[in-house]
Amino acid sequence: MGRTLKRSAAFTALARALAAGARGGPSLGARVAALPRMIRATARGEYDGGLRLAMMAAATAYVVSPVDVVPELFLTVFGLLDDAVMVTWLAGSVLAETERFLEWEATRRSVVPGQVIG
């Protein structure tokens, strides 16, 4: 019972930290809401996240791919380790890239379009 309480307390703390935003940054909801805008801005060529988005898409495809199920059947823990590493990298990349995008979006809004008079 002690382990269950510790585990639930850890998950509760993690959920609160994600909801509040890491290091005072954007909340998880703001980051998730920014994903479609980030993809659109990248597709239009306005945002320079193309390579990073492609790498995140490849990592997602790797994790959800049914082809990767076979090694887990034979290698058990070691077969799951590569997926755990990939999911960890993917989560960190999504968090970092959405924060970067939200900062880019904020600075873009503060720029007034017009001409530079010299």
PDB file of N, CA and C in Angstrom:
ATOM      1  N   MET A   1       0.813  -1.191   0.000  1.00  0.00           N
ATOM      2  CA  MET A   1       0.000   0.000   0.000  1.00  0.00           C
ATOM      3  C   MET A   1       0.855   1.253   0.000  1.00  0.00           C
ATOM      4  N   GLY A   2       1.988   1.223   0.668  1.00  0.00           N
ATOM      5  CA  GLY A   2       2.886   2.370   0.711  1.00  0.00           C
ATOM      6  C   GLY A   2       3.408   2.735  -0.664  1.00  0.00           C
ATOM      7  N   ARG A   3       3.719   1.720  -1.469  1.00  0.00           N
ATOM      8  CA  ARG A   3       4.208   1.981  -2.826  1.00  0.00           C
ATOM      9  C   ARG A   3       3.118   2.605  -3.690  1.00  0.00           C
ATOM     10  N   THR A   4       1.906   2.141  -3.521  1.00  0.00           N
ATOM     11  CA  THR A   4       0.792   2.680  -4.307  1.00  0.00           C
ATOM     12  C   THR A   4       0.578   4.146  -3.981  1.00  0.00           C
ATOM     13  N   LEU A   5       0.662   4.506  -2.695  1.00  0.00           N
ATOM     14  CA  LEU A   5       0.508   5.908  -2.307  1.00  0.00           C
ATOM     15  C   LEU A   5       1.631   6.759  -2.868  1.00  0.00           C
ATOM     16  N   LYS A   6       2.866   6.264  -2.812  1.00  0.00           N
ATOM     17  CA  LYS A   6       3.995   7.010  -3.357  1.00  0.00           C
ATOM     18  C   LYS A   6       3.839   7.185  -4.861  1.00  0.00           C
ATOM     19  N   ARG A   7       3.423   6.128  -5.537  1.00  0.00           N
ATOM     20  CA  ARG A   7       3.257   6.182  -6.981  1.00  0.00           C
ATOM     21  C   ARG A   7       2.162   7.176  -7.355  1.00  0.00           C
ATOM     22  N   SER A   8       1.023   7.136  -6.663  1.00  0.00           N
ATOM     23  CA  SER A   8      -0.067   8.063  -6.987  1.00  0.00           C
ATOM     24  C   SER A   8       0.335   9.499  -6.662  1.00  0.00           C
ATOM     25  N   ALA A   9       1.085   9.698  -5.583  1.00  0.00           N
ATOM     26  CA  ALA A   9       1.564  11.041  -5.250  1.00  0.00           C
ATOM     27  C   ALA A   9       2.531  11.553  -6.313  1.00  0.00           C
ATOM     28  N   ALA A  10       3.362  10.676  -6.843  1.00  0.00           N
ATOM     29  CA  ALA A  10       4.299  11.071  -7.891  1.00  0.00           C
ATOM     30  C   ALA A  10       3.555  11.456  -9.157  1.00  0.00           C
ATOM     31  N   PHE A  11       2.548  10.680  -9.536  1.00  0.00           N
ATOM     32  CA  PHE A  11       1.771  10.997 -10.736  1.00  0.00           C
ATOM     33  C   PHE A  11       0.975  12.290 -10.550  1.00  0.00           C
ATOM     34  N   THR A  12       0.467  12.513  -9.357  1.00  0.00           N
ATOM     35  CA  THR A  12      -0.255  13.751  -9.079  1.00  0.00           C
ATOM     36  C   THR A  12       0.674  14.950  -9.186  1.00  0.00           C
ATOM     37  N   ALA A  13       1.872  14.834  -8.642  1.00  0.00           N
ATOM     38  CA  ALA A  13       2.845  15.923  -8.725  1.00  0.00           C
ATOM     39  C   ALA A  13       3.246  16.179 -10.170  1.00  0.00           C
ATOM     40  N   LEU A  14       3.430  15.120 -10.952  1.00  0.00           N
ATOM     41  CA  LEU A  14       3.779  15.270 -12.359  1.00  0.00           C
ATOM     42  C   LEU A  14       2.660  15.971 -13.117  1.00  0.00           C
ATOM     43  N   ALA A  15       1.428  15.565 -12.874  1.00  0.00           N
ATOM     44  CA  ALA A  15       0.282  16.185 -13.552  1.00  0.00           C
ATOM     45  C   ALA A  15       0.173  17.666 -13.200  1.00  0.00           C
ATOM     46  N   ARG A  16       0.388  18.007 -11.951  1.00  0.00           N
ATOM     47  CA  ARG A  16       0.332  19.420 -11.542  1.00  0.00           C
ATOM     48  C   ARG A  16       1.446  20.223 -12.202  1.00  0.00           C
ATOM     49  N   ALA A  17       2.638  19.640 -12.260  1.00  0.00           N
ATOM     50  CA  ALA A  17       3.769  20.338 -12.874  1.00  0.00           C
ATOM     51  C   ALA A  17       3.522  20.565 -14.363  1.00  0.00           C
ATOM     52  N   LEU A  18       2.980  19.570 -15.037  1.00  0.00           N
ATOM     53  CA  LEU A  18       2.694  19.721 -16.459  1.00  0.00           C
ATOM     54  C   LEU A  18       1.596  20.740 -16.707  1.00  0.00           C
ATOM     55  N   ALA A  19       0.590  20.747 -15.856  1.00  0.00           N
ATOM     56  CA  ALA A  19      -0.517  21.677 -16.026  1.00  0.00           C
ATOM     57  C   ALA A  19      -0.087  23.119 -15.763  1.00  0.00           C
ATOM     58  N   ALA A  20       0.799  23.300 -14.820  1.00  0.00           N
ATOM     59  CA  ALA A  20       1.243  24.647 -14.466  1.00  0.00           C
ATOM     60  C   ALA A  20       2.319  25.163 -15.401  1.00  0.00           C
ATOM     61  N   GLY A  21       2.991  24.290 -16.124  1.00  0.00           N
ATOM     62  CA  GLY A  21       4.070  24.704 -17.009  1.00  0.00           C
ATOM     63  C   GLY A  21       5.404  24.553 -16.308  1.00  0.00           C
ATOM     64  N   ALA A  22       6.353  24.020 -17.040  1.00  0.00           N
ATOM     65  CA  ALA A  22       7.689  23.802 -16.487  1.00  0.00           C
ATOM     66  C   ALA A  22       8.428  25.136 -16.418  1.00  0.00           C
ATOM     67  N   ARG A  23       9.092  25.367 -15.329  1.00  0.00           N
ATOM     68  CA  ARG A  23       9.907  26.564 -15.119  1.00  0.00           C
ATOM     69  C   ARG A  23       9.159  27.849 -15.439  1.00  0.00           C
ATOM     70  N   GLY A  24       7.858  27.871 -15.137  1.00  0.00           N
ATOM     71  CA  GLY A  24       7.087  29.068 -15.399  1.00  0.00           C
ATOM     72  C   GLY A  24       6.731  29.247 -16.861  1.00  0.00           C
ATOM     73  N   GLY A  25       7.012  28.251 -17.675  1.00  0.00           N
ATOM     74  CA  GLY A  25       6.709  28.330 -19.100  1.00  0.00           C
ATOM     75  C   GLY A  25       5.246  28.063 -19.371  1.00  0.00           C
ATOM     76  N   PRO A  26       4.908  27.890 -20.636  1.00  0.00           N
ATOM     77  CA  PRO A  26       3.511  27.644 -21.015  1.00  0.00           C
ATOM     78  C   PRO A  26       2.977  26.349 -20.411  1.00  0.00           C
ATOM     79  N   SER A  27       1.674  26.314 -20.168  1.00  0.00           N
ATOM     80  CA  SER A  27       1.064  25.104 -19.628  1.00  0.00           C
ATOM     81  C   SER A  27       0.983  24.034 -20.703  1.00  0.00           C
ATOM     82  N   LEU A  28       0.693  22.830 -20.298  1.00  0.00           N
ATOM     83  CA  LEU A  28       0.578  21.724 -21.246  1.00  0.00           C
ATOM     84  C   LEU A  28      -0.556  21.980 -22.231  1.00  0.00           C
ATOM     85  N   GLY A  29      -1.653  22.555 -21.754  1.00  0.00           N
ATOM     86  CA  GLY A  29      -2.771  22.869 -22.637  1.00  0.00           C
ATOM     87  C   GLY A  29      -2.383  23.871 -23.714  1.00  0.00           C
ATOM     88  N   ALA A  30      -1.613  24.901 -23.341  1.00  0.00           N
ATOM     89  CA  ALA A  30      -1.162  25.901 -24.318  1.00  0.00           C
ATOM     90  C   ALA A  30      -0.234  25.274 -25.342  1.00  0.00           C
ATOM     91  N   ARG A  31       0.597  24.343 -24.897  1.00  0.00           N
ATOM     92  CA  ARG A  31       1.523  23.668 -25.810  1.00  0.00           C
ATOM     93  C   ARG A  31       0.779  22.779 -26.795  1.00  0.00           C
ATOM     94  N   VAL A  32      -0.201  22.030 -26.296  1.00  0.00           N
ATOM     95  CA  VAL A  32      -0.983  21.148 -27.173  1.00  0.00           C
ATOM     96  C   VAL A  32      -1.775  21.970 -28.176  1.00  0.00           C
ATOM     97  N   ALA A  33      -2.342  23.084 -27.727  1.00  0.00           N
ATOM     98  CA  ALA A  33      -3.098  23.960 -28.619  1.00  0.00           C
ATOM     99  C   ALA A  33      -2.192  24.598 -29.673  1.00  0.00           C
ATOM    100  N   ALA A  34      -0.912  24.759 -29.373  1.00  0.00           N
ATOM    101  CA  ALA A  34       0.023  25.380 -30.317  1.00  0.00           C
ATOM    102  C   ALA A  34       0.471  24.424 -31.418  1.00  0.00           C
ATOM    103  N   LEU A  35       0.326  23.116 -31.207  1.00  0.00           N
ATOM    104  CA  LEU A  35       0.808  22.150 -32.208  1.00  0.00           C
ATOM    105  C   LEU A  35       0.201  22.355 -33.596  1.00  0.00           C
ATOM    106  N   PRO A  36      -1.128  22.472 -33.751  1.00  0.00           N
ATOM    107  CA  PRO A  36      -1.667  22.684 -35.105  1.00  0.00           C
ATOM    108  C   PRO A  36      -1.192  23.996 -35.734  1.00  0.00           C
ATOM    109  N   ARG A  37      -1.086  25.051 -34.929  1.00  0.00           N
ATOM    110  CA  ARG A  37      -0.596  26.332 -35.456  1.00  0.00           C
ATOM    111  C   ARG A  37       0.849  26.214 -35.897  1.00  0.00           C
ATOM    112  N   MET A  38       1.640  25.470 -35.130  1.00  0.00           N
ATOM    113  CA  MET A  38       3.047  25.273 -35.467  1.00  0.00           C
ATOM    114  C   MET A  38       3.177  24.507 -36.778  1.00  0.00           C
ATOM    115  N   ILE A  39       2.361  23.487 -36.955  1.00  0.00           N
ATOM    116  CA  ILE A  39       2.403  22.696 -38.190  1.00  0.00           C
ATOM    117  C   ILE A  39       1.994  23.570 -39.380  1.00  0.00           C
ATOM    118  N   ARG A  40       0.930  24.371 -39.215  1.00  0.00           N
ATOM    119  CA  ARG A  40       0.485  25.264 -40.302  1.00  0.00           C
ATOM    120  C   ARG A  40       1.557  26.292 -40.648  1.00  0.00           C
ATOM    121  N   ALA A  41       2.142  26.920 -39.642  1.00  0.00           N
ATOM    122  CA  ALA A  41       3.173  27.933 -39.886  1.00  0.00           C
ATOM    123  C   ALA A  41       4.395  27.319 -40.556  1.00  0.00           C
ATOM    124  N   THR A  42       4.725  26.095 -40.196  1.00  0.00           N
ATOM    125  CA  THR A  42       5.851  25.407 -40.824  1.00  0.00           C
ATOM    126  C   THR A  42       5.528  25.069 -42.275  1.00  0.00           C
ATOM    127  N   ALA A  43       4.310  24.584 -42.520  1.00  0.00           N
ATOM    128  CA  ALA A  43       3.900  24.233 -43.880  1.00  0.00           C
ATOM    129  C   ALA A  43       3.888  25.464 -44.789  1.00  0.00           C
ATOM    130  N   ARG A  44       3.542  26.623 -44.249  1.00  0.00           N
ATOM    131  CA  ARG A  44       3.530  27.866 -45.022  1.00  0.00           C
ATOM    132  C   ARG A  44       4.924  28.449 -45.224  1.00  0.00           C
ATOM    133  N   GLY A  45       5.909  27.914 -44.506  1.00  0.00           N
ATOM    134  CA  GLY A  45       7.268  28.434 -44.609  1.00  0.00           C
ATOM    135  C   GLY A  45       7.530  29.629 -43.722  1.00  0.00           C
ATOM    136  N   GLU A  46       6.625  29.922 -42.813  1.00  0.00           N
ATOM    137  CA  GLU A  46       6.788  31.059 -41.916  1.00  0.00           C
ATOM    138  C   GLU A  46       7.664  30.704 -40.716  1.00  0.00           C
ATOM    139  N   TYR A  47       7.602  29.463 -40.292  1.00  0.00           N
ATOM    140  CA  TYR A  47       8.332  29.003 -39.106  1.00  0.00           C
ATOM    141  C   TYR A  47       9.364  27.975 -39.553  1.00  0.00           C
ATOM    142  N   ASP A  48      10.525  28.006 -38.955  1.00  0.00           N
ATOM    143  CA  ASP A  48      11.631  27.155 -39.399  1.00  0.00           C
ATOM    144  C   ASP A  48      11.708  25.793 -38.700  1.00  0.00           C
ATOM    145  N   GLY A  49      10.570  25.209 -38.345  1.00  0.00           N
ATOM    146  CA  GLY A  49      10.576  23.959 -37.588  1.00  0.00           C
ATOM    147  C   GLY A  49      10.437  22.706 -38.437  1.00  0.00           C
ATOM    148  N   GLY A  50      10.643  22.783 -39.742  1.00  0.00           N
ATOM    149  CA  GLY A  50      10.408  21.653 -40.636  1.00  0.00           C
ATOM    150  C   GLY A  50      11.172  20.396 -40.284  1.00  0.00           C
ATOM    151  N   LEU A  51      12.475  20.499 -40.102  1.00  0.00           N
ATOM    152  CA  LEU A  51      13.293  19.324 -39.792  1.00  0.00           C
ATOM    153  C   LEU A  51      12.920  18.744 -38.436  1.00  0.00           C
ATOM    154  N   ARG A  52      12.710  19.602 -37.463  1.00  0.00           N
ATOM    155  CA  ARG A  52      12.346  19.126 -36.127  1.00  0.00           C
ATOM    156  C   ARG A  52      10.983  18.431 -36.147  1.00  0.00           C
ATOM    157  N   LEU A  53      10.022  19.002 -36.880  1.00  0.00           N
ATOM    158  CA  LEU A  53       8.714  18.351 -36.993  1.00  0.00           C
ATOM    159  C   LEU A  53       8.825  17.012 -37.706  1.00  0.00           C
ATOM    160  N   ALA A  54       9.657  16.936 -38.726  1.00  0.00           N
ATOM    161  CA  ALA A  54       9.850  15.674 -39.439  1.00  0.00           C
ATOM    162  C   ALA A  54      10.459  14.618 -38.518  1.00  0.00           C
ATOM    163  N   MET A  55      11.411  15.014 -37.687  1.00  0.00           N
ATOM    164  CA  MET A  55      12.022  14.071 -36.755  1.00  0.00           C
ATOM    165  C   MET A  55      11.012  13.603 -35.706  1.00  0.00           C
ATOM    166  N   MET A  56      10.158  14.523 -35.240  1.00  0.00           N
ATOM    167  CA  MET A  56       9.127  14.145 -34.265  1.00  0.00           C
ATOM    168  C   MET A  56       8.098  13.210 -34.899  1.00  0.00           C
ATOM    169  N   ALA A  57       7.749  13.457 -36.158  1.00  0.00           N
ATOM    170  CA  ALA A  57       6.806  12.571 -36.859  1.00  0.00           C
ATOM    171  C   ALA A  57       7.414  11.188 -37.053  1.00  0.00           C
ATOM    172  N   ALA A  58       8.699  11.136 -37.383  1.00  0.00           N
ATOM    173  CA  ALA A  58       9.373   9.848 -37.549  1.00  0.00           C
ATOM    174  C   ALA A  58       9.432   9.090 -36.219  1.00  0.00           C
ATOM    175  N   ALA A  59       9.701   9.803 -35.133  1.00  0.00           N
ATOM    176  CA  ALA A  59       9.749   9.160 -33.814  1.00  0.00           C
ATOM    177  C   ALA A  59       8.372   8.627 -33.426  1.00  0.00           C
ATOM    178  N   THR A  60       7.323   9.396 -33.723  1.00  0.00           N
ATOM    179  CA  THR A  60       5.962   8.943 -33.430  1.00  0.00           C
ATOM    180  C   THR A  60       5.628   7.694 -34.234  1.00  0.00           C
ATOM    181  N   ALA A  61       5.987   7.706 -35.513  1.00  0.00           N
ATOM    182  CA  ALA A  61       5.735   6.538 -36.360  1.00  0.00           C
ATOM    183  C   ALA A  61       6.492   5.321 -35.844  1.00  0.00           C
ATOM    184  N   TYR A  62       7.711   5.511 -35.371  1.00  0.00           N
ATOM    185  CA  TYR A  62       8.506   4.408 -34.841  1.00  0.00           C
ATOM    186  C   TYR A  62       7.848   3.793 -33.606  1.00  0.00           C
ATOM    187  N   VAL A  63       7.355   4.670 -32.724  1.00  0.00           N
ATOM    188  CA  VAL A  63       6.768   4.185 -31.471  1.00  0.00           C
ATOM    189  C   VAL A  63       5.455   3.443 -31.724  1.00  0.00           C
ATOM    190  N   VAL A  64       4.614   3.958 -32.612  1.00  0.00           N
ATOM    191  CA  VAL A  64       3.314   3.335 -32.836  1.00  0.00           C
ATOM    192  C   VAL A  64       3.336   2.251 -33.902  1.00  0.00           C
ATOM    193  N   SER A  65       4.454   2.069 -34.559  1.00  0.00           N
ATOM    194  CA  SER A  65       4.562   1.085 -35.638  1.00  0.00           C
ATOM    195  C   SER A  65       4.373  -0.340 -35.118  1.00  0.00           C
ATOM    196  N   PRO A  66       3.517  -1.127 -35.764  1.00  0.00           N
ATOM    197  CA  PRO A  66       3.334  -2.516 -35.340  1.00  0.00           C
ATOM    198  C   PRO A  66       4.534  -3.400 -35.685  1.00  0.00           C
ATOM    199  N   VAL A  67       5.397  -2.934 -36.569  1.00  0.00           N
ATOM    200  CA  VAL A  67       6.583  -3.709 -36.943  1.00  0.00           C
ATOM    201  C   VAL A  67       7.513  -3.869 -35.754  1.00  0.00           C
ATOM    202  N   ASP A  68       7.512  -2.905 -34.861  1.00  0.00           N
ATOM    203  CA  ASP A  68       8.408  -2.934 -33.706  1.00  0.00           C
ATOM    204  C   ASP A  68       7.920  -3.884 -32.610  1.00  0.00           C
ATOM    205  N   VAL A  69       6.745  -4.445 -32.727  1.00  0.00           N
ATOM    206  CA  VAL A  69       6.201  -5.335 -31.701  1.00  0.00           C
ATOM    207  C   VAL A  69       7.004  -6.627 -31.605  1.00  0.00           C
ATOM    208  N   VAL A  70       7.506  -7.115 -32.703  1.00  0.00           N
ATOM    209  CA  VAL A  70       8.220  -8.405 -32.715  1.00  0.00           C
ATOM    210  C   VAL A  70       9.429  -8.411 -31.780  1.00  0.00           C
ATOM    211  N   PRO A  71      10.310  -7.408 -31.801  1.00  0.00           N
ATOM    212  CA  PRO A  71      11.439  -7.458 -30.863  1.00  0.00           C
ATOM    213  C   PRO A  71      11.018  -7.508 -29.399  1.00  0.00           C
ATOM    214  N   GLU A  72       9.908  -6.842 -29.042  1.00  0.00           N
ATOM    215  CA  GLU A  72       9.463  -6.889 -27.656  1.00  0.00           C
ATOM    216  C   GLU A  72       9.088  -8.306 -27.240  1.00  0.00           C
ATOM    217  N   LEU A  73       8.545  -9.066 -28.167  1.00  0.00           N
ATOM    218  CA  LEU A  73       8.164 -10.440 -27.841  1.00  0.00           C
ATOM    219  C   LEU A  73       9.378 -11.294 -27.498  1.00  0.00           C
ATOM    220  N   PHE A  74      10.477 -11.063 -28.175  1.00  0.00           N
ATOM    221  CA  PHE A  74      11.675 -11.880 -27.964  1.00  0.00           C
ATOM    222  C   PHE A  74      12.634 -11.287 -26.950  1.00  0.00           C
ATOM    223  N   LEU A  75      12.718  -9.972 -26.907  1.00  0.00           N
ATOM    224  CA  LEU A  75      13.720  -9.323 -26.062  1.00  0.00           C
ATOM    225  C   LEU A  75      13.149  -8.729 -24.779  1.00  0.00           C
ATOM    226  N   THR A  76      11.873  -8.829 -24.568  1.00  0.00           N
ATOM    227  CA  THR A  76      11.129  -8.325 -23.403  1.00  0.00           C
ATOM    228  C   THR A  76      11.588  -6.930 -22.977  1.00  0.00           C
ATOM    229  N   VAL A  77      12.285  -6.820 -21.863  1.00  0.00           N
ATOM    230  CA  VAL A  77      12.668  -5.523 -21.299  1.00  0.00           C
ATOM    231  C   VAL A  77      13.547  -4.740 -22.262  1.00  0.00           C
ATOM    232  N   PHE A  78      14.509  -5.382 -22.892  1.00  0.00           N
ATOM    233  CA  PHE A  78      15.405  -4.689 -23.806  1.00  0.00           C
ATOM    234  C   PHE A  78      14.671  -4.216 -25.059  1.00  0.00           C
ATOM    235  N   GLY A  79      13.659  -4.943 -25.451  1.00  0.00           N
ATOM    236  CA  GLY A  79      12.852  -4.529 -26.596  1.00  0.00           C
ATOM    237  C   GLY A  79      12.005  -3.309 -26.287  1.00  0.00           C
ATOM    238  N   LEU A  80      11.615  -3.154 -25.035  1.00  0.00           N
ATOM    239  CA  LEU A  80      10.828  -1.993 -24.635  1.00  0.00           C
ATOM    240  C   LEU A  80      11.704  -0.775 -24.346  1.00  0.00           C
ATOM    241  N   LEU A  81      12.969  -1.015 -24.078  1.00  0.00           N
ATOM    242  CA  LEU A  81      13.885   0.071 -23.735  1.00  0.00           C
ATOM    243  C   LEU A  81      14.016   1.071 -24.881  1.00  0.00           C
ATOM    244  N   ASP A  82      14.117   0.589 -26.118  1.00  0.00           N
ATOM    245  CA  ASP A  82      14.250   1.519 -27.241  1.00  0.00           C
ATOM    246  C   ASP A  82      13.001   2.383 -27.388  1.00  0.00           C
ATOM    247  N   ASP A  83      11.826   1.802 -27.133  1.00  0.00           N
ATOM    248  CA  ASP A  83      10.594   2.599 -27.185  1.00  0.00           C
ATOM    249  C   ASP A  83      10.568   3.629 -26.060  1.00  0.00           C
ATOM    250  N   ALA A  84      11.019   3.258 -24.886  1.00  0.00           N
ATOM    251  CA  ALA A  84      11.041   4.188 -23.755  1.00  0.00           C
ATOM    252  C   ALA A  84      11.975   5.366 -24.043  1.00  0.00           C
ATOM    253  N   VAL A  85      13.122   5.081 -24.618  1.00  0.00           N
ATOM    254  CA  VAL A  85      14.060   6.149 -24.972  1.00  0.00           C
ATOM    255  C   VAL A  85      13.437   7.064 -26.025  1.00  0.00           C
ATOM    256  N   MET A  86      12.788   6.473 -27.019  1.00  0.00           N
ATOM    257  CA  MET A  86      12.178   7.262 -28.085  1.00  0.00           C
ATOM    258  C   MET A  86      11.032   8.126 -27.554  1.00  0.00           C
ATOM    259  N   VAL A  87      10.200   7.580 -26.683  1.00  0.00           N
ATOM    260  CA  VAL A  87       9.092   8.344 -26.111  1.00  0.00           C
ATOM    261  C   VAL A  87       9.632   9.493 -25.255  1.00  0.00           C
ATOM    262  N   THR A  88      10.686   9.241 -24.495  1.00  0.00           N
ATOM    263  CA  THR A  88      11.295  10.286 -23.672  1.00  0.00           C
ATOM    264  C   THR A  88      11.847  11.406 -24.542  1.00  0.00           C
ATOM    265  N   TRP A  89      12.565  11.035 -25.600  1.00  0.00           N
ATOM    266  CA  TRP A  89      13.100  12.040 -26.520  1.00  0.00           C
ATOM    267  C   TRP A  89      11.965  12.827 -27.178  1.00  0.00           C
ATOM    268  N   LEU A  90      10.928  12.119 -27.607  1.00  0.00           N
ATOM    269  CA  LEU A  90       9.801  12.753 -28.284  1.00  0.00           C
ATOM    270  C   LEU A  90       9.090  13.746 -27.358  1.00  0.00           C
ATOM    271  N   ALA A  91       8.843  13.350 -26.128  1.00  0.00           N
ATOM    272  CA  ALA A  91       8.183  14.247 -25.172  1.00  0.00           C
ATOM    273  C   ALA A  91       9.018  15.498 -24.939  1.00  0.00           C
ATOM    274  N   GLY A  92      10.310  15.318 -24.736  1.00  0.00           N
ATOM    275  CA  GLY A  92      11.196  16.473 -24.542  1.00  0.00           C
ATOM    276  C   GLY A  92      11.251  17.369 -25.762  1.00  0.00           C
ATOM    277  N   SER A  93      11.276  16.768 -26.943  1.00  0.00           N
ATOM    278  CA  SER A  93      11.316  17.546 -28.179  1.00  0.00           C
ATOM    279  C   SER A  93      10.030  18.336 -28.393  1.00  0.00           C
ATOM    280  N   VAL A  94       8.905  17.709 -28.125  1.00  0.00           N
ATOM    281  CA  VAL A  94       7.625  18.406 -28.285  1.00  0.00           C
ATOM    282  C   VAL A  94       7.538  19.567 -27.297  1.00  0.00           C
ATOM    283  N   LEU A  95       7.935  19.344 -26.060  1.00  0.00           N
ATOM    284  CA  LEU A  95       7.903  20.417 -25.061  1.00  0.00           C
ATOM    285  C   LEU A  95       8.830  21.568 -25.458  1.00  0.00           C
ATOM    286  N   ALA A  96      10.035  21.242 -25.885  1.00  0.00           N
ATOM    287  CA  ALA A  96      10.994  22.283 -26.262  1.00  0.00           C
ATOM    288  C   ALA A  96      10.543  23.027 -27.509  1.00  0.00           C
ATOM    289  N   GLU A  97      10.062  22.307 -28.510  1.00  0.00           N
ATOM    290  CA  GLU A  97       9.683  22.951 -29.765  1.00  0.00           C
ATOM    291  C   GLU A  97       8.424  23.796 -29.623  1.00  0.00           C
ATOM    292  N   THR A  98       7.457  23.336 -28.837  1.00  0.00           N
ATOM    293  CA  THR A  98       6.257  24.161 -28.644  1.00  0.00           C
ATOM    294  C   THR A  98       6.582  25.417 -27.858  1.00  0.00           C
ATOM    295  N   GLU A  99       7.485  25.309 -26.896  1.00  0.00           N
ATOM    296  CA  GLU A  99       7.900  26.510 -26.162  1.00  0.00           C
ATOM    297  C   GLU A  99       8.600  27.481 -27.099  1.00  0.00           C
ATOM    298  N   ARG A 100       9.480  26.971 -27.947  1.00  0.00           N
ATOM    299  CA  ARG A 100      10.183  27.792 -28.937  1.00  0.00           C
ATOM    300  C   ARG A 100       9.180  28.449 -29.893  1.00  0.00           C
ATOM    301  N   PHE A 101       8.189  27.683 -30.337  1.00  0.00           N
ATOM    302  CA  PHE A 101       7.182  28.216 -31.251  1.00  0.00           C
ATOM    303  C   PHE A 101       6.355  29.312 -30.586  1.00  0.00           C
ATOM    304  N   LEU A 102       5.940  29.089 -29.352  1.00  0.00           N
ATOM    305  CA  LEU A 102       5.144  30.094 -28.648  1.00  0.00           C
ATOM    306  C   LEU A 102       5.930  31.384 -28.445  1.00  0.00           C
ATOM    307  N   GLU A 103       7.223  31.279 -28.186  1.00  0.00           N
ATOM    308  CA  GLU A 103       8.067  32.465 -28.073  1.00  0.00           C
ATOM    309  C   GLU A 103       8.159  33.174 -29.423  1.00  0.00           C
ATOM    310  N   TRP A 104       8.337  32.404 -30.500  1.00  0.00           N
ATOM    311  CA  TRP A 104       8.386  32.972 -31.854  1.00  0.00           C
ATOM    312  C   TRP A 104       7.080  33.678 -32.181  1.00  0.00           C
ATOM    313  N   GLU A 105       5.972  33.049 -31.840  1.00  0.00           N
ATOM    314  CA  GLU A 105       4.654  33.613 -32.090  1.00  0.00           C
ATOM    315  C   GLU A 105       4.468  34.932 -31.335  1.00  0.00           C
ATOM    316  N   ALA A 106       4.927  34.986 -30.096  1.00  0.00           N
ATOM    317  CA  ALA A 106       4.794  36.198 -29.280  1.00  0.00           C
ATOM    318  C   ALA A 106       5.631  37.336 -29.849  1.00  0.00           C
ATOM    319  N   THR A 107       6.848  37.054 -30.283  1.00  0.00           N
ATOM    320  CA  THR A 107       7.687  38.113 -30.850  1.00  0.00           C
ATOM    321  C   THR A 107       7.158  38.546 -32.206  1.00  0.00           C
ATOM    322  N   ARG A 108       6.566  37.638 -32.926  1.00  0.00           N
ATOM    323  CA  ARG A 108       6.010  37.965 -34.241  1.00  0.00           C
ATOM    324  C   ARG A 108       4.825  38.925 -34.096  1.00  0.00           C
ATOM    325  N   ARG A 109       4.032  38.713 -33.070  1.00  0.00           N
ATOM    326  CA  ARG A 109       2.879  39.594 -32.825  1.00  0.00           C
ATOM    327  C   ARG A 109       3.307  40.997 -32.430  1.00  0.00           C
ATOM    328  N   SER A 110       4.485  41.111 -31.791  1.00  0.00           N
ATOM    329  CA  SER A 110       4.932  42.423 -31.325  1.00  0.00           C
ATOM    330  C   SER A 110       5.585  43.242 -32.436  1.00  0.00           C
ATOM    331  N   VAL A 111       5.862  42.647 -33.594  1.00  0.00           N
ATOM    332  CA  VAL A 111       6.465  43.355 -34.714  1.00  0.00           C
ATOM    333  C   VAL A 111       5.356  43.990 -35.536  1.00  0.00           C
ATOM    334  N   VAL A 112       5.498  45.264 -35.798  1.00  0.00           N
ATOM    335  CA  VAL A 112       4.518  45.995 -36.594  1.00  0.00           C
ATOM    336  C   VAL A 112       5.001  45.989 -38.048  1.00  0.00           C
ATOM    337  N   PRO A 113       4.196  45.440 -38.976  1.00  0.00           N
ATOM    338  CA  PRO A 113       4.641  45.430 -40.367  1.00  0.00           C
ATOM    339  C   PRO A 113       4.668  46.854 -40.933  1.00  0.00           C
ATOM    340  N   GLY A 114       5.609  47.087 -41.786  1.00  0.00           N
ATOM    341  CA  GLY A 114       5.740  48.398 -42.405  1.00  0.00           C
ATOM    342  C   GLY A 114       7.090  48.533 -43.064  1.00  0.00           C
ATOM    343  N   GLN A 115       7.523  49.756 -43.258  1.00  0.00           N
ATOM    344  CA  GLN A 115       8.799  50.000 -43.901  1.00  0.00           C
ATOM    345  C   GLN A 115       9.792  50.554 -42.895  1.00  0.00           C
ATOM    346  N   VAL A 116      11.037  50.276 -43.181  1.00  0.00           N
ATOM    347  CA  VAL A 116      12.110  50.843 -42.374  1.00  0.00           C
ATOM    348  C   VAL A 116      12.556  52.124 -43.066  1.00  0.00           C
ATOM    349  N   ILE A 117      12.521  53.201 -42.345  1.00  0.00           N
ATOM    350  CA  ILE A 117      12.931  54.487 -42.919  1.00  0.00           C
ATOM    351  C   ILE A 117      14.328  54.785 -42.437  1.00  0.00           C
ATOM    352  N   GLY A 118      15.218  54.989 -43.370  1.00  0.00           N
ATOM    353  CA  GLY A 118      16.616  55.150 -42.990  1.00  0.00           C
ATOM    354  C   GLY A 118      17.176  56.495 -43.168  1.00  0.00           C
TER     355      GLY A 118
END
